[in-house]
Amino acid sequence: MGITRKSSAHDTLIAWHDDARARLRHRFQRAIDEGDLPSGADPELLARYVMTVANGIAVQAAGGATRSELQQVADAALRNWPSA
């Protein structure tokens, strides 16, 4: 029974993560279509990038990183963001 619960929780977490990434991907595609992001931007890559940075920041915060340290990470991520 423990394996079923673990698999169920794991599958639920993956589905949640995939749904969040899909929502970001669709939003980034809309931003591309509306000219807010460059036409050559990859909405899937941007969605994965944002999810990775956000998850990394959450892990760092849970590990005791300061607000200033987290802000530095966010600023570094934004320096790599494509401009319109």
C-alpha atoms as a PDB file:
ATOM      1  CA  MET A   1       0.000   0.000   0.000  1.00  0.00           C
ATOM      2  CA  GLY A   2       2.899   2.403   0.705  1.00  0.00           C
ATOM      3  CA  ILE A   3       4.109   2.094  -2.878  1.00  0.00           C
ATOM      4  CA  THR A   4       0.669   3.017  -4.199  1.00  0.00           C
ATOM      5  CA  ARG A   5       0.504   6.093  -1.982  1.00  0.00           C
ATOM      6  CA  LYS A   6       4.009   7.127  -2.920  1.00  0.00           C
ATOM      7  CA  SER A   7       3.266   6.666  -6.609  1.00  0.00           C
ATOM      8  CA  SER A   8       0.000   8.549  -6.245  1.00  0.00           C
ATOM      9  CA  ALA A   9       1.651  11.469  -4.466  1.00  0.00           C
ATOM     10  CA  HIS A  10       4.491  11.444  -6.991  1.00  0.00           C
ATOM     11  CA  ASP A  11       2.068  11.377  -9.924  1.00  0.00           C
ATOM     12  CA  THR A  12       0.036  14.195  -8.381  1.00  0.00           C
ATOM     13  CA  LEU A  13       3.153  16.325  -7.912  1.00  0.00           C
ATOM     14  CA  ILE A  14       4.239  15.713 -11.513  1.00  0.00           C
ATOM     15  CA  ALA A  15       0.760  16.593 -12.804  1.00  0.00           C
ATOM     16  CA  TRP A  16       0.751  19.801 -10.732  1.00  0.00           C
ATOM     17  CA  HIS A  17       4.189  20.742 -12.013  1.00  0.00           C
ATOM     18  CA  ASP A  18       3.261  19.971 -15.636  1.00  0.00           C
ATOM     19  CA  ASP A  19       0.063  22.019 -15.346  1.00  0.00           C
ATOM     20  CA  ALA A  20       1.945  25.010 -13.924  1.00  0.00           C
ATOM     21  CA  ARG A  21       4.536  24.808 -16.700  1.00  0.00           C
ATOM     22  CA  ALA A  22       1.803  24.549 -19.357  1.00  0.00           C
ATOM     23  CA  ARG A  23       0.076  27.643 -17.962  1.00  0.00           C
ATOM     24  CA  LEU A  24       3.338  29.576 -18.068  1.00  0.00           C
ATOM     25  CA  ARG A  25       4.078  28.309 -21.570  1.00  0.00           C
ATOM     26  CA  HIS A  26       0.665  29.500 -22.805  1.00  0.00           C
ATOM     27  CA  ARG A  27       1.135  32.876 -21.134  1.00  0.00           C
ATOM     28  CA  PHE A  28       4.570  33.301 -22.687  1.00  0.00           C
ATOM     29  CA  GLN A  29       3.168  32.347 -26.080  1.00  0.00           C
ATOM     30  CA  ARG A  30       0.547  35.068 -25.658  1.00  0.00           C
ATOM     31  CA  ALA A  31       3.304  37.541 -24.727  1.00  0.00           C
ATOM     32  CA  ILE A  32       5.157  36.580 -27.911  1.00  0.00           C
ATOM     33  CA  ASP A  33       1.994  36.935 -29.983  1.00  0.00           C
ATOM     34  CA  GLU A  34       1.309  40.377 -28.458  1.00  0.00           C
ATOM     35  CA  GLY A  35       4.894  41.588 -28.954  1.00  0.00           C
ATOM     36  CA  ASP A  36       5.834  41.675 -25.274  1.00  0.00           C
ATOM     37  CA  LEU A  37       8.516  39.040 -25.892  1.00  0.00           C
ATOM     38  CA  PRO A  38      10.641  38.640 -29.021  1.00  0.00           C
ATOM     39  CA  SER A  39       9.170  36.497 -31.795  1.00  0.00           C
ATOM     40  CA  GLY A  40      12.099  34.088 -31.552  1.00  0.00           C
ATOM     41  CA  ALA A  41      11.562  33.384 -27.834  1.00  0.00           C
ATOM     42  CA  ASP A  42      10.826  29.769 -26.901  1.00  0.00           C
ATOM     43  CA  PRO A  43       7.795  29.696 -24.580  1.00  0.00           C
ATOM     44  CA  GLU A  44       8.518  26.150 -23.369  1.00  0.00           C
ATOM     45  CA  LEU A  45      12.115  27.015 -22.505  1.00  0.00           C
ATOM     46  CA  LEU A  46      11.049  30.205 -20.737  1.00  0.00           C
ATOM     47  CA  ALA A  47       8.454  28.274 -18.716  1.00  0.00           C
ATOM     48  CA  ARG A  48      11.044  25.694 -17.666  1.00  0.00           C
ATOM     49  CA  TYR A  49      13.498  28.474 -16.840  1.00  0.00           C
ATOM     50  CA  VAL A  50      11.036  30.308 -14.592  1.00  0.00           C
ATOM     51  CA  MET A  51       9.986  27.074 -12.864  1.00  0.00           C
ATOM     52  CA  THR A  52      13.624  26.101 -12.273  1.00  0.00           C
ATOM     53  CA  VAL A  53      14.591  29.504 -10.861  1.00  0.00           C
ATOM     54  CA  ALA A  54      11.478  29.681  -8.673  1.00  0.00           C
ATOM     55  CA  ASN A  55      12.019  26.172  -7.320  1.00  0.00           C
ATOM     56  CA  GLY A  56      15.682  26.917  -6.686  1.00  0.00           C
ATOM     57  CA  ILE A  57      14.821  30.118  -4.838  1.00  0.00           C
ATOM     58  CA  ALA A  58      12.310  28.200  -2.710  1.00  0.00           C
ATOM     59  CA  VAL A  59      14.934  25.607  -1.792  1.00  0.00           C
ATOM     60  CA  GLN A  60      17.467  28.319  -0.964  1.00  0.00           C
ATOM     61  CA  ALA A  61      14.896  30.164   1.167  1.00  0.00           C
ATOM     62  CA  ALA A  62      14.046  26.989   3.061  1.00  0.00           C
ATOM     63  CA  GLY A  63      17.757  26.503   3.637  1.00  0.00           C
ATOM     64  CA  GLY A  64      18.098  29.898   5.280  1.00  0.00           C
ATOM     65  CA  ALA A  65      19.167  32.218   2.445  1.00  0.00           C
ATOM     66  CA  THR A  66      18.538  35.859   3.234  1.00  0.00           C
ATOM     67  CA  ARG A  67      16.165  38.102   1.326  1.00  0.00           C
ATOM     68  CA  SER A  68      19.169  39.936  -0.106  1.00  0.00           C
ATOM     69  CA  GLU A  69      20.750  36.698  -1.330  1.00  0.00           C
ATOM     70  CA  LEU A  70      17.480  35.610  -2.933  1.00  0.00           C
ATOM     71  CA  GLN A  71      17.075  39.027  -4.556  1.00  0.00           C
ATOM     72  CA  GLN A  72      20.528  38.651  -6.090  1.00  0.00           C
ATOM     73  CA  VAL A  73      19.459  35.340  -7.633  1.00  0.00           C
ATOM     74  CA  ALA A  74      16.252  36.874  -8.995  1.00  0.00           C
ATOM     75  CA  ASP A  75      18.211  39.817 -10.413  1.00  0.00           C
ATOM     76  CA  ALA A  76      20.671  37.458 -12.111  1.00  0.00           C
ATOM     77  CA  ALA A  77      17.782  35.509 -13.632  1.00  0.00           C
ATOM     78  CA  LEU A  78      16.213  38.703 -14.964  1.00  0.00           C
ATOM     79  CA  ARG A  79      19.481  39.776 -16.594  1.00  0.00           C
ATOM     80  CA  ASN A  80      19.079  36.710 -18.817  1.00  0.00           C
ATOM     81  CA  TRP A  81      15.453  37.462 -19.712  1.00  0.00           C
ATOM     82  CA  PRO A  82      14.776  38.214 -23.400  1.00  0.00           C
ATOM     83  CA  SER A  83      13.762  41.794 -24.155  1.00  0.00           C
ATOM     84  CA  ALA A  84      10.938  42.628 -26.544  1.00  0.00           C
END
